[in-house]
Amino acid sequence: MRAAVAAPLIALATAAAAAPFTVRLGAERVVLDSPPGFSDTTELASPRLQELSETLTSASNRILLFALTDADVRRFMNGDQLEWKRYMIAVTPKGLERERVSAAQFTAFVSDSLRGLGKPIEAPEFINFLEQQPVGKANLFAELRKDPTIVSVMQGTRLPPLPGGTIWEDKKPQYLFYTTTIFLLRGKAMQLAVYAIFESPADVDWLKSTTQRWMDELLRLNSR
């Protein structure tokens, strides 16, 4: 029975991940795609995944794409626990969805979205810094790009430790790093967020490079 239920879901997931797809935003059609190694899950119509995606963004945004690693999608189809180490989401503000966004509107949206971040923290060792911060506090570590039509930042936070541990060994700490990128795509305000649980400095490098490549690919797909 379990296999019979999983089979059509796996086929649907494979189809969703196979190629770029379009979404209508007002009178405009925008082409979206997830980076290699990730699959969009919005077509699965899973209440569980929908709830997860909604925790990542404001209710004032429309979720266009919520992607998990291909390995996590397979775990989900098999009813296994997700590793939930890397994931990403693309949204657009509902209030601007049906109109062509002007430069002034885009500037105001960026200001509202990134208000209160302050200046990047100059910390040579991110983890040493985060160890001293309250759990859940967002910390701005880098401004990756700041142009009139593209703004990208990287933040990090300390998460509650993983369950487990013993009287001789503390529970394992967790740190989450993520990027937020806001840019104009065919006259629409688009916001991308990419997340990675920190296990080594390579995760931060992956986060930065993946964010840049994903944004560049979406701009390329929508330049035609």
Protein backbone atom coordinates (compact mmCIF):
# COMPACT_ATOMS: atom_id res chain seq x y z
CA MET A 1 0.00 0.00 0.00
CA ARG A 2 2.79 2.39 0.92
CA ALA A 3 4.53 1.78 -2.41
CA ALA A 4 1.27 2.28 -4.29
CA VAL A 5 0.74 5.66 -2.66
CA ALA A 6 4.37 6.76 -3.05
CA ALA A 7 4.66 5.90 -6.74
CA PRO A 8 2.40 8.65 -8.15
CA LEU A 9 3.93 11.17 -5.76
CA ILE A 10 7.44 10.27 -6.91
CA ALA A 11 6.33 10.63 -10.52
CA LEU A 12 4.86 14.04 -9.76
CA ALA A 13 8.03 15.14 -7.99
CA THR A 14 10.16 13.99 -10.91
CA ALA A 15 8.00 15.93 -13.34
CA ALA A 16 8.15 19.05 -11.18
CA ALA A 17 11.93 18.90 -11.04
CA ALA A 18 12.46 18.10 -14.71
CA ALA A 19 12.42 21.58 -16.26
CA PRO A 20 11.86 25.28 -15.65
CA PHE A 21 8.23 26.31 -15.22
CA THR A 22 6.27 29.54 -15.54
CA VAL A 23 4.06 31.39 -13.07
CA ARG A 24 1.72 34.25 -13.91
CA LEU A 25 2.20 37.47 -11.96
CA GLY A 26 -0.47 39.88 -13.13
CA ALA A 27 -0.12 40.15 -16.91
CA GLU A 28 3.46 38.86 -16.85
CA ARG A 29 4.77 35.31 -17.02
CA VAL A 30 7.92 34.63 -15.02
CA VAL A 31 10.12 31.57 -15.57
CA LEU A 32 11.37 29.81 -12.43
CA ASP A 33 13.67 26.89 -11.79
CA SER A 34 15.52 25.41 -8.82
CA PRO A 35 19.32 24.97 -8.82
CA PRO A 36 20.85 21.57 -9.70
CA GLY A 37 20.42 19.06 -6.89
CA PHE A 38 17.16 20.66 -5.67
CA SER A 39 13.51 20.03 -6.50
CA ASP A 40 10.56 22.36 -6.21
CA THR A 41 7.92 20.87 -3.91
CA THR A 42 4.97 23.22 -4.46
CA GLU A 43 3.30 20.87 -6.97
CA LEU A 44 3.22 18.08 -4.41
CA ALA A 45 0.36 19.87 -2.62
CA SER A 46 1.62 18.54 0.72
CA PRO A 47 0.14 20.32 3.77
CA ARG A 48 3.27 19.44 5.74
CA LEU A 49 5.63 20.99 3.20
CA GLN A 50 3.32 23.97 2.77
CA GLU A 51 3.45 24.62 6.51
CA LEU A 52 7.23 24.37 6.46
CA SER A 53 7.52 26.84 3.59
CA GLU A 54 5.14 29.30 5.26
CA THR A 55 7.42 29.51 8.31
CA LEU A 56 10.17 30.93 6.08
CA THR A 57 8.40 34.04 4.83
CA SER A 58 5.83 36.68 5.69
CA ALA A 59 2.14 36.08 5.04
CA SER A 60 2.28 39.18 2.82
CA ASN A 61 4.37 37.22 0.30
CA ARG A 62 3.20 34.67 -2.26
CA ILE A 63 5.34 31.54 -2.30
CA LEU A 64 6.37 30.70 -5.87
CA LEU A 65 8.91 27.94 -5.25
CA PHE A 66 9.98 25.92 -2.21
CA ALA A 67 12.87 23.58 -2.98
CA LEU A 68 14.46 20.78 -0.98
CA THR A 69 17.51 18.74 -1.90
CA ASP A 70 16.72 15.81 -4.16
CA ALA A 71 17.78 13.52 -1.31
CA ASP A 72 15.29 15.12 1.09
CA VAL A 73 12.51 14.83 -1.50
CA ARG A 74 13.24 11.09 -1.72
CA ARG A 75 13.16 10.84 2.07
CA PHE A 76 9.82 12.63 2.12
CA MET A 77 8.36 10.26 -0.49
CA ASN A 78 9.49 7.27 1.54
CA GLY A 79 8.04 8.67 4.75
CA ASP A 80 11.49 9.16 6.29
CA GLN A 81 12.65 12.11 8.35
CA LEU A 82 14.10 15.02 6.37
CA GLU A 83 17.71 15.99 6.97
CA TRP A 84 16.64 19.61 6.41
CA LYS A 85 20.22 20.87 6.03
CA ARG A 86 19.83 22.90 2.82
CA TYR A 87 16.69 24.38 1.32
CA MET A 88 15.48 27.48 -0.52
CA ILE A 89 12.41 29.54 -1.32
CA ALA A 90 11.33 32.13 -3.89
CA VAL A 91 8.51 34.58 -3.13
CA THR A 92 6.98 37.79 -4.43
CA PRO A 93 5.07 40.47 -2.47
CA LYS A 94 1.31 40.01 -2.95
CA GLY A 95 0.76 43.76 -2.87
CA LEU A 96 2.96 44.28 -5.94
CA GLU A 97 2.12 41.07 -7.77
CA ARG A 98 -0.27 42.55 -10.36
CA GLU A 99 1.63 45.72 -11.27
CA ARG A 100 4.91 46.58 -12.90
CA VAL A 101 7.25 47.61 -10.10
CA SER A 102 8.84 51.02 -10.49
CA ALA A 103 12.30 51.92 -9.22
CA ALA A 104 10.74 53.86 -6.33
CA GLN A 105 8.47 50.95 -5.39
CA PHE A 106 11.39 48.52 -5.51
CA THR A 107 13.51 50.76 -3.28
CA ALA A 108 10.66 51.01 -0.77
CA PHE A 109 10.13 47.23 -0.81
CA VAL A 110 13.82 46.58 -0.20
CA SER A 111 13.86 49.11 2.64
CA ASP A 112 10.82 47.51 4.28
CA SER A 113 12.18 43.97 3.84
CA LEU A 114 15.64 44.68 5.25
CA ARG A 115 14.73 47.27 7.85
CA GLY A 116 16.59 46.97 11.13
CA LEU A 117 19.45 44.79 9.92
CA GLY A 118 22.07 47.39 10.78
CA LYS A 119 25.66 47.14 9.58
CA PRO A 120 27.42 43.81 8.90
CA ILE A 121 29.16 42.38 11.94
CA GLU A 122 32.92 42.19 11.50
CA ALA A 123 33.52 38.78 13.02
CA PRO A 124 36.52 36.80 11.76
CA GLU A 125 35.03 33.61 13.22
CA PHE A 126 31.27 33.44 12.66
CA ILE A 127 30.69 30.49 14.98
CA ASN A 128 32.66 31.98 17.89
CA PHE A 129 30.50 35.07 17.58
CA LEU A 130 27.22 33.14 17.34
CA GLU A 131 28.08 31.10 20.43
CA GLN A 132 27.70 34.30 22.44
CA GLN A 133 24.37 35.28 20.87
CA PRO A 134 20.83 34.42 22.04
CA VAL A 135 19.16 31.49 20.30
CA GLY A 136 17.14 32.70 17.32
CA LYS A 137 18.72 36.15 17.00
CA ALA A 138 19.42 37.04 13.36
CA ASN A 139 22.86 38.55 12.75
CA LEU A 140 23.92 40.32 9.56
CA PHE A 141 27.35 39.09 8.44
CA ALA A 142 27.72 40.36 4.87
CA GLU A 143 26.23 42.55 2.18
CA LEU A 144 26.85 40.39 -0.86
CA ARG A 145 25.49 42.86 -3.39
CA LYS A 146 23.90 46.30 -3.32
CA ASP A 147 22.79 47.71 -6.67
CA PRO A 148 19.72 49.76 -7.68
CA THR A 149 17.90 46.59 -8.81
CA ILE A 150 19.64 43.84 -6.78
CA VAL A 151 20.30 43.60 -3.04
CA SER A 152 21.70 40.49 -1.38
CA VAL A 153 22.73 39.88 2.25
CA MET A 154 23.91 36.96 4.36
CA GLN A 155 22.79 36.34 7.95
CA GLY A 156 23.37 33.71 10.58
CA THR A 157 21.69 32.56 13.78
CA ARG A 158 22.16 30.08 16.60
CA LEU A 159 19.48 27.38 16.75
CA PRO A 160 18.42 25.28 19.74
CA PRO A 161 20.86 22.36 20.17
CA LEU A 162 20.03 19.00 18.70
CA PRO A 163 18.24 16.53 20.99
CA GLY A 164 20.41 13.98 22.73
CA GLY A 165 23.63 14.39 24.62
CA THR A 166 24.56 12.80 27.94
CA ILE A 167 25.67 13.92 31.36
CA TRP A 168 29.22 13.69 30.01
CA GLU A 169 28.58 15.34 26.66
CA ASP A 170 26.66 18.50 25.84
CA LYS A 171 23.98 18.52 23.18
CA LYS A 172 25.34 19.39 19.75
CA PRO A 173 24.92 23.10 18.89
CA GLN A 174 23.31 24.14 15.60
CA TYR A 175 23.95 27.20 13.46
CA LEU A 176 21.92 28.32 10.46
CA PHE A 177 23.25 30.62 7.74
CA TYR A 178 21.04 32.08 5.03
CA THR A 179 21.00 34.62 2.24
CA THR A 180 18.22 36.99 1.23
CA THR A 181 18.30 38.37 -2.30
CA ILE A 182 15.79 40.88 -3.66
CA PHE A 183 15.80 41.86 -7.33
CA LEU A 184 13.61 42.84 -10.27
CA LEU A 185 12.57 40.10 -12.68
CA ARG A 186 10.53 41.21 -15.70
CA GLY A 187 9.30 44.19 -13.75
CA LYS A 188 8.34 42.08 -10.71
CA ALA A 189 9.95 42.17 -7.26
CA MET A 190 11.40 38.76 -6.50
CA GLN A 191 12.89 37.56 -3.21
CA LEU A 192 15.09 34.48 -2.92
CA ALA A 193 16.27 32.91 0.33
CA VAL A 194 18.80 30.08 0.55
CA TYR A 195 19.46 28.23 3.84
CA ALA A 196 22.28 25.99 5.05
CA ILE A 197 22.97 24.36 8.40
CA PHE A 198 26.60 25.08 9.27
CA GLU A 199 28.87 22.05 9.49
CA SER A 200 32.05 23.59 8.07
CA PRO A 201 33.18 26.86 6.41
CA ALA A 202 32.47 25.16 3.08
CA ASP A 203 28.74 25.54 3.83
CA VAL A 204 29.08 29.33 3.88
CA ASP A 205 31.00 29.25 0.58
CA TRP A 206 28.30 27.00 -0.91
CA LEU A 207 25.60 29.39 0.31
CA LYS A 208 27.19 32.41 -1.36
CA SER A 209 27.96 30.69 -4.66
CA THR A 210 24.56 29.00 -4.91
CA THR A 211 22.76 32.27 -4.23
CA GLN A 212 24.70 34.01 -7.00
CA ARG A 213 24.24 31.19 -9.51
CA TRP A 214 20.51 30.84 -8.81
CA MET A 215 19.88 34.56 -9.23
CA ASP A 216 21.98 34.68 -12.44
CA GLU A 217 20.09 31.68 -13.85
CA LEU A 218 16.68 33.23 -13.17
CA LEU A 219 17.79 36.46 -14.80
CA ARG A 220 19.01 34.47 -17.82
CA LEU A 221 15.79 32.46 -18.09
CA ASN A 222 13.74 35.65 -18.06
CA SER A 223 15.87 37.68 -20.47
CA ARG A 224 14.26 36.18 -23.56
